[in-house]
Amino acid sequence: MPLTAQQPNPPVALVFPGQGAQYPRMAAGLYEHDSTFTFWMDEAFRLLGQDGPRLRREWLAEVPSAQYDDVTVAQPLLYAVNHALGRMVLGWGVRPAAFLGHSVGEFAAATLAGIFGFDDGIRLMRERVVHFADTPPGGMLAVAAGTEDVADLLGEEVHLAAVNAARQLLLAGEREPLDRAARELAGRGVICRRVLARQAFHSPAVDDAVRATLHGFRTVPLRRPDVPFYSAGTGGPLPEKEALDPDFWAWQAARTVYFAPALTALLAAHDCLLLEAGPGDGLSRLARRQPRVTARRSFVQPLVPGDRDDREAVDEVRRRLTLVAAGDRHDRPGHRHSRGD
């Protein structure tokens, strides 16, 4: 039966956003309202140790500090919020058809898919932010162009950080080279804007920081994902070799994100409701350009779009998705969505 926009209980694929998706009080309206979300956010702050209280204050502040977009704040909060929202959706009885994440969102997706445990994920995140905070000042630039349009700007100083859609890229680099690239693109009439990031993720500028984290990644038990997993690191289904390779997960933060090819592969294999189970609707806007979505073979839904009340938005999605819980559990008794809790 073809999928329809009104179909109850459609197959659901969960997608999770990365750096740049953060905004003040992202999904905070659910805190102390939804018990599952609250539990996992509190668990994240506990595992973050002495940084936990500071990060909780940053997250709940109406006006956070100037450090909010820095790796030391944005990355652990994005990981925690993505993970807690994913846990909340799984707690409704949703059994995902697939997982996909963008940048640090892929880290959350891997945790929810059972590739590594949440305790280990938080530990790796703590190690990551220490080393990435010492990288040269830089950032990322969103560019409304294709790869051929920016090829002459790429080199030792400016790098292709992400392919998000056919004509939606991210460039990364240290501050001055990235500013020069932005001025050049503006002169060509190309629309571009700075992403909310202070580090040049997904570029060689962070290679030294990745090398410093390799040992920590190599101490973490890795497992095959519980459900189909699509990787923006590989641009398609995640091969078992990469899933079980700690170096793949460490270098993920320095390598190009191929979100568009990975999403295309996911939608080719699954007619589904694509649920952006993270803060904002950035990935939803990208997904709506996909041919399988424009052809209404699949549909897109942000969970907490950020422009409406968090509780209202989540309640609306939940009403649509909760009816399958008992049936799915009976289909596969004892199935768990994640290991290592």
Protein backbone atom coordinates (compact mmCIF):
# COMPACT_ATOMS: atom_id res chain seq x y z
CA MET A 1 0.00 0.00 0.00
CA PRO A 2 1.47 3.42 -0.92
CA LEU A 3 2.36 5.72 1.95
CA THR A 4 0.04 8.71 2.37
CA ALA A 5 0.38 11.88 4.39
CA GLN A 6 -2.65 10.87 6.52
CA GLN A 7 -1.70 7.22 6.97
CA PRO A 8 -1.61 6.28 10.68
CA ASN A 9 1.51 4.56 11.90
CA PRO A 10 3.70 4.95 8.80
CA PRO A 11 7.24 3.52 8.78
CA VAL A 12 9.39 6.12 10.54
CA ALA A 13 13.01 7.03 9.87
CA LEU A 14 14.68 9.20 12.51
CA VAL A 15 17.14 11.91 11.50
CA PHE A 16 19.23 14.06 13.84
CA PRO A 17 20.79 17.49 13.13
CA GLY A 18 24.30 18.66 13.92
CA GLN A 19 26.31 21.82 14.67
CA GLY A 20 24.43 24.94 13.64
CA ALA A 21 21.02 23.56 14.63
CA GLN A 22 21.36 24.79 18.21
CA TYR A 23 19.24 27.66 19.49
CA PRO A 24 18.47 28.96 23.01
CA ARG A 25 16.33 26.59 25.08
CA MET A 26 16.12 24.05 22.25
CA ALA A 27 13.40 21.55 23.24
CA ALA A 28 13.56 22.87 26.82
CA GLY A 29 9.77 23.13 26.94
CA LEU A 30 9.75 19.34 27.31
CA TYR A 31 12.00 19.38 30.36
CA GLU A 32 10.09 18.42 33.52
CA HIS A 33 7.08 17.79 31.27
CA ASP A 34 7.98 14.56 29.47
CA SER A 35 9.45 12.04 31.90
CA THR A 36 11.60 10.18 29.36
CA PHE A 37 13.10 13.34 27.90
CA THR A 38 13.72 14.73 31.39
CA PHE A 39 15.37 11.52 32.62
CA TRP A 40 17.85 11.38 29.74
CA MET A 41 18.71 15.09 29.93
CA ASP A 42 19.36 14.75 33.67
CA GLU A 43 21.45 11.65 32.98
CA ALA A 44 23.49 13.59 30.43
CA PHE A 45 24.16 16.41 32.87
CA ARG A 46 25.15 13.89 35.56
CA LEU A 47 27.59 12.13 33.23
CA LEU A 48 29.05 15.46 32.13
CA GLY A 49 30.44 15.80 35.66
CA GLN A 50 31.61 19.21 36.75
CA ASP A 51 30.54 20.70 33.41
CA GLY A 52 26.97 19.45 33.85
CA PRO A 53 25.55 22.31 35.97
CA ARG A 54 27.10 24.94 33.68
CA LEU A 55 25.71 23.29 30.55
CA ARG A 56 22.27 22.92 32.13
CA ARG A 57 22.26 26.66 32.90
CA GLU A 58 23.34 27.50 29.34
CA TRP A 59 20.61 25.29 27.91
CA LEU A 60 17.79 26.67 30.10
CA ALA A 61 18.82 30.34 29.89
CA GLU A 62 16.53 32.66 27.94
CA VAL A 63 19.68 34.48 26.83
CA PRO A 64 22.68 32.11 26.91
CA SER A 65 26.27 33.28 27.11
CA ALA A 66 28.46 34.21 24.15
CA GLN A 67 29.94 30.69 24.38
CA TYR A 68 26.68 28.99 23.37
CA ASP A 69 27.83 28.28 19.80
CA ASP A 70 31.30 27.12 20.86
CA VAL A 71 32.18 23.43 20.70
CA THR A 72 32.38 23.28 24.50
CA VAL A 73 28.66 24.09 24.81
CA ALA A 74 26.90 23.39 21.50
CA GLN A 75 28.31 19.90 20.89
CA PRO A 76 27.46 18.26 24.25
CA LEU A 77 24.05 19.96 24.32
CA LEU A 78 23.20 18.88 20.77
CA TYR A 79 24.26 15.33 21.55
CA ALA A 80 22.20 15.29 24.76
CA VAL A 81 19.07 16.89 23.25
CA ASN A 82 19.14 14.73 20.11
CA HIS A 83 19.56 11.60 22.23
CA ALA A 84 16.83 12.53 24.72
CA LEU A 85 14.37 13.37 21.94
CA GLY A 86 15.18 10.08 20.23
CA ARG A 87 14.62 8.18 23.48
CA MET A 88 11.31 9.94 23.92
CA VAL A 89 10.12 8.87 20.45
CA LEU A 90 11.31 5.29 21.00
CA GLY A 91 9.44 5.31 24.31
CA TRP A 92 6.22 5.84 22.37
CA GLY A 93 6.72 2.38 20.88
CA VAL A 94 8.06 3.60 17.54
CA ARG A 95 10.38 1.07 15.91
CA PRO A 96 12.43 3.05 13.38
CA ALA A 97 12.83 1.86 9.82
CA ALA A 98 16.23 3.60 9.74
CA PHE A 99 18.52 6.11 11.44
CA LEU A 100 20.49 8.98 9.90
CA GLY A 101 22.37 11.83 11.52
CA HIS A 102 24.27 14.94 10.45
CA SER A 103 27.65 15.58 12.12
CA VAL A 104 27.16 15.31 15.91
CA GLY A 105 23.63 14.13 15.08
CA GLU A 106 25.19 10.99 13.62
CA PHE A 107 26.86 10.45 16.98
CA ALA A 108 23.43 10.55 18.67
CA ALA A 109 21.94 8.28 16.00
CA ALA A 110 24.73 5.74 16.56
CA THR A 111 24.00 5.73 20.29
CA LEU A 112 20.29 5.16 19.75
CA ALA A 113 21.00 2.44 17.20
CA GLY A 114 23.08 0.55 19.77
CA ILE A 115 26.51 1.03 18.14
CA PHE A 116 27.88 2.38 21.42
CA GLY A 117 26.41 3.15 24.81
CA PHE A 118 25.34 6.53 26.13
CA ASP A 119 27.90 6.54 28.96
CA ASP A 120 30.67 6.02 26.41
CA GLY A 121 29.15 8.61 24.10
CA ILE A 122 29.20 11.27 26.81
CA ARG A 123 32.78 10.36 27.75
CA LEU A 124 33.89 10.67 24.13
CA MET A 125 32.03 13.95 23.82
CA ARG A 126 33.82 15.33 26.89
CA GLU A 127 37.18 14.34 25.41
CA ARG A 128 36.23 15.80 22.04
CA VAL A 129 35.34 19.25 23.32
CA VAL A 130 38.58 19.56 25.31
CA HIS A 131 40.72 19.00 22.24
CA PHE A 132 38.51 20.73 19.68
CA ALA A 133 38.38 23.88 21.82
CA ASP A 134 42.11 24.28 21.13
CA THR A 135 41.78 24.24 17.34
CA PRO A 136 42.42 27.50 15.42
CA PRO A 137 39.49 29.95 15.38
CA GLY A 138 37.32 29.14 12.39
CA GLY A 139 33.86 28.17 11.35
CA MET A 140 31.57 27.00 8.60
CA LEU A 141 29.79 28.75 5.75
CA ALA A 142 26.46 27.64 4.25
CA VAL A 143 26.51 28.19 0.48
CA ALA A 144 23.61 27.96 -1.96
CA ALA A 145 25.65 26.45 -4.79
CA GLY A 146 26.83 23.19 -6.27
CA THR A 147 30.28 21.72 -5.80
CA GLU A 148 31.36 22.84 -9.28
CA ASP A 149 30.57 26.45 -8.34
CA VAL A 150 33.00 26.47 -5.41
CA ALA A 151 35.72 24.18 -6.76
CA ASP A 152 38.14 27.04 -7.40
CA LEU A 153 37.83 28.20 -3.77
CA LEU A 154 38.71 24.83 -2.25
CA GLY A 155 42.29 24.01 -1.33
CA GLU A 156 44.58 24.04 1.66
CA GLU A 157 42.64 26.74 3.53
CA VAL A 158 38.96 26.27 2.60
CA HIS A 159 37.39 22.82 2.53
CA LEU A 160 34.14 21.12 1.53
CA ALA A 161 32.58 20.33 4.90
CA ALA A 162 29.17 19.03 3.84
CA VAL A 163 27.00 18.24 0.84
CA ASN A 164 23.50 18.82 2.21
CA ALA A 165 21.55 19.08 -1.06
CA ALA A 166 22.27 19.43 -4.75
CA ARG A 167 22.86 23.15 -4.30
CA GLN A 168 23.37 23.44 -0.56
CA LEU A 169 26.91 23.06 0.74
CA LEU A 170 28.92 23.82 3.84
CA LEU A 171 32.47 25.13 3.57
CA ALA A 172 34.86 25.10 6.52
CA GLY A 173 38.14 26.74 7.37
CA GLU A 174 39.97 29.08 9.66
CA ARG A 175 38.42 32.49 10.12
CA GLU A 176 40.30 34.67 7.62
CA PRO A 177 40.29 32.25 4.64
CA LEU A 178 36.59 31.57 5.23
CA ASP A 179 35.85 35.30 5.30
CA ARG A 180 37.69 35.72 1.99
CA ALA A 181 35.67 32.91 0.47
CA ALA A 182 32.44 34.53 1.70
CA ARG A 183 33.38 37.85 0.11
CA GLU A 184 34.27 36.16 -3.17
CA LEU A 185 30.98 34.25 -3.25
CA ALA A 186 29.00 37.39 -2.44
CA GLY A 187 30.75 39.13 -5.32
CA ARG A 188 29.54 36.35 -7.62
CA GLY A 189 25.98 36.78 -6.40
CA VAL A 190 26.02 33.46 -4.51
CA ILE A 191 23.94 33.42 -1.33
CA CYS A 192 25.95 32.35 1.70
CA ARG A 193 25.76 32.74 5.47
CA ARG A 194 27.85 31.85 8.46
CA VAL A 195 26.81 28.77 10.42
CA LEU A 196 26.63 28.95 14.21
CA ALA A 197 30.03 27.35 14.81
CA ARG A 198 33.38 28.62 16.04
CA GLN A 199 35.45 25.65 14.87
CA ALA A 200 36.15 24.39 11.35
CA PHE A 201 34.47 21.01 11.75
CA HIS A 202 34.72 18.51 8.91
CA SER A 203 37.99 19.89 7.64
CA PRO A 204 41.71 19.20 8.15
CA ALA A 205 41.79 22.15 10.58
CA VAL A 206 40.63 19.74 13.29
CA ASP A 207 42.85 16.78 12.34
CA ASP A 208 45.18 17.23 15.32
CA ALA A 209 42.21 17.31 17.69
CA VAL A 210 40.91 14.06 16.18
CA ARG A 211 44.31 12.38 16.62
CA ALA A 212 44.23 13.36 20.29
CA THR A 213 40.91 11.52 20.73
CA LEU A 214 41.82 8.31 18.89
CA HIS A 215 42.88 6.44 22.02
CA GLY A 216 39.55 7.16 23.74
CA PHE A 217 37.56 5.90 20.76
CA ARG A 218 39.66 2.73 20.60
CA THR A 219 38.66 1.82 24.17
CA VAL A 220 34.90 1.84 23.44
CA PRO A 221 33.01 -1.40 22.69
CA LEU A 222 31.28 -1.09 19.31
CA ARG A 223 28.37 -3.20 18.08
CA ARG A 224 26.40 -3.68 14.91
CA PRO A 225 23.42 -1.30 14.71
CA ASP A 226 20.06 -2.68 15.76
CA VAL A 227 18.26 -1.20 12.73
CA PRO A 228 19.28 0.00 9.24
CA PHE A 229 21.78 2.82 9.67
CA TYR A 230 22.59 5.38 6.98
CA SER A 231 25.79 7.33 7.44
CA ALA A 232 26.55 10.82 6.22
CA GLY A 233 30.17 9.78 6.58
CA THR A 234 29.87 7.15 3.86
CA GLY A 235 26.99 8.72 1.91
CA GLY A 236 24.85 5.58 2.16
CA PRO A 237 24.19 2.51 4.30
CA LEU A 238 26.84 2.10 6.98
CA PRO A 239 28.97 -0.99 6.23
CA GLU A 240 29.65 -3.27 9.17
CA LYS A 241 33.39 -2.65 8.85
CA GLU A 242 32.93 1.07 9.50
CA ALA A 243 30.32 0.54 12.21
CA LEU A 244 32.85 -1.49 14.21
CA ASP A 245 35.85 0.74 13.43
CA PRO A 246 36.68 3.23 16.22
CA ASP A 247 38.83 5.28 13.84
CA PHE A 248 35.82 5.81 11.57
CA TRP A 249 33.89 7.35 14.46
CA ALA A 250 36.82 9.48 15.60
CA TRP A 251 37.54 10.88 12.12
CA GLN A 252 33.85 11.50 11.46
CA ALA A 253 34.26 15.01 12.93
CA ALA A 254 36.99 15.92 10.42
CA ARG A 255 35.66 14.38 7.22
CA THR A 256 33.12 15.72 4.72
CA VAL A 257 29.45 15.11 5.58
CA TYR A 258 27.59 13.57 2.63
CA PHE A 259 24.12 14.08 4.02
CA ALA A 260 22.32 14.45 0.67
CA PRO A 261 23.58 11.13 -0.80
CA ALA A 262 22.87 9.31 2.47
CA LEU A 263 19.33 10.69 2.62
CA THR A 264 18.74 9.80 -1.04
CA ALA A 265 19.85 6.22 -0.32
CA LEU A 266 17.60 6.00 2.75
CA LEU A 267 14.54 7.23 0.85
CA ALA A 268 15.25 4.91 -2.08
CA ALA A 269 15.04 1.98 0.32
CA HIS A 270 12.24 3.21 2.61
CA ASP A 271 9.00 5.02 1.80
CA CYS A 272 8.52 6.56 5.21
CA LEU A 273 7.76 9.46 7.45
CA LEU A 274 11.10 11.17 7.93
CA LEU A 275 11.01 12.51 11.49
CA GLU A 276 13.63 15.10 12.42
CA ALA A 277 14.01 14.11 16.07
CA GLY A 278 16.26 16.99 17.03
CA PRO A 279 16.10 20.75 17.52
CA GLY A 280 14.77 22.85 14.65
CA ASP A 281 13.72 21.99 11.12
CA GLY A 282 16.93 22.45 9.12
CA LEU A 283 17.13 18.84 7.94
CA SER A 284 13.40 18.82 7.23
CA ARG A 285 13.82 21.76 4.85
CA LEU A 286 16.60 19.91 3.06
CA ALA A 287 14.59 16.68 2.92
CA ARG A 288 11.59 18.38 1.33
CA ARG A 289 13.72 18.90 -1.81
CA GLN A 290 14.27 15.17 -2.22
CA PRO A 291 12.55 13.65 -5.31
CA ARG A 292 10.86 10.89 -3.27
CA VAL A 293 9.38 13.58 -1.02
CA THR A 294 8.27 15.91 -3.80
CA ALA A 295 6.65 12.86 -5.43
CA ARG A 296 4.85 12.20 -2.11
CA ARG A 297 6.35 8.75 -1.72
CA SER A 298 7.73 9.89 1.65
CA PHE A 299 6.86 12.71 4.01
CA VAL A 300 8.78 14.96 6.37
CA GLN A 301 7.99 16.08 9.92
CA PRO A 302 10.12 18.10 12.36
CA LEU A 303 9.51 17.07 15.97
CA VAL A 304 10.39 20.39 17.66
CA PRO A 305 10.62 22.95 14.83
CA GLY A 306 11.51 25.79 17.17
CA ASP A 307 8.87 28.23 15.90
CA ARG A 308 6.03 26.89 18.03
CA ASP A 309 5.45 25.57 21.53
CA ASP A 310 7.57 22.44 22.11
CA ARG A 311 4.79 20.56 23.91
CA GLU A 312 2.17 21.33 21.26
CA ALA A 313 4.47 20.26 18.45
CA VAL A 314 5.46 17.00 20.16
CA ASP A 315 1.89 16.13 21.17
CA GLU A 316 0.77 16.49 17.56
CA VAL A 317 3.49 14.11 16.33
CA ARG A 318 2.89 11.68 19.15
CA ARG A 319 -0.82 11.35 18.36
CA ARG A 320 0.09 10.22 14.88
CA LEU A 321 2.76 7.72 15.87
CA THR A 322 1.68 5.91 19.03
CA LEU A 323 -0.92 3.42 17.80
CA VAL A 324 1.60 0.78 16.67
CA ALA A 325 3.36 0.26 19.97
CA ALA A 326 1.72 -3.00 20.99
CA GLY A 327 1.79 -4.52 17.51
CA ASP A 328 5.47 -3.80 16.98
CA ARG A 329 6.45 -5.21 20.33
CA HIS A 330 4.49 -8.42 19.66
CA ASP A 331 6.18 -8.76 16.27
CA ARG A 332 9.63 -8.96 17.85
CA PRO A 333 9.45 -9.88 21.54
CA GLY A 334 12.40 -8.72 23.54
CA HIS A 335 13.65 -6.32 20.85
CA ARG A 336 15.55 -3.32 22.20
CA HIS A 337 16.37 -0.14 20.33
CA SER A 338 19.71 0.42 22.01
CA ARG A 339 22.27 -1.43 24.04
CA GLY A 340 24.51 -0.33 26.85
CA ASP A 341 21.97 1.79 28.71
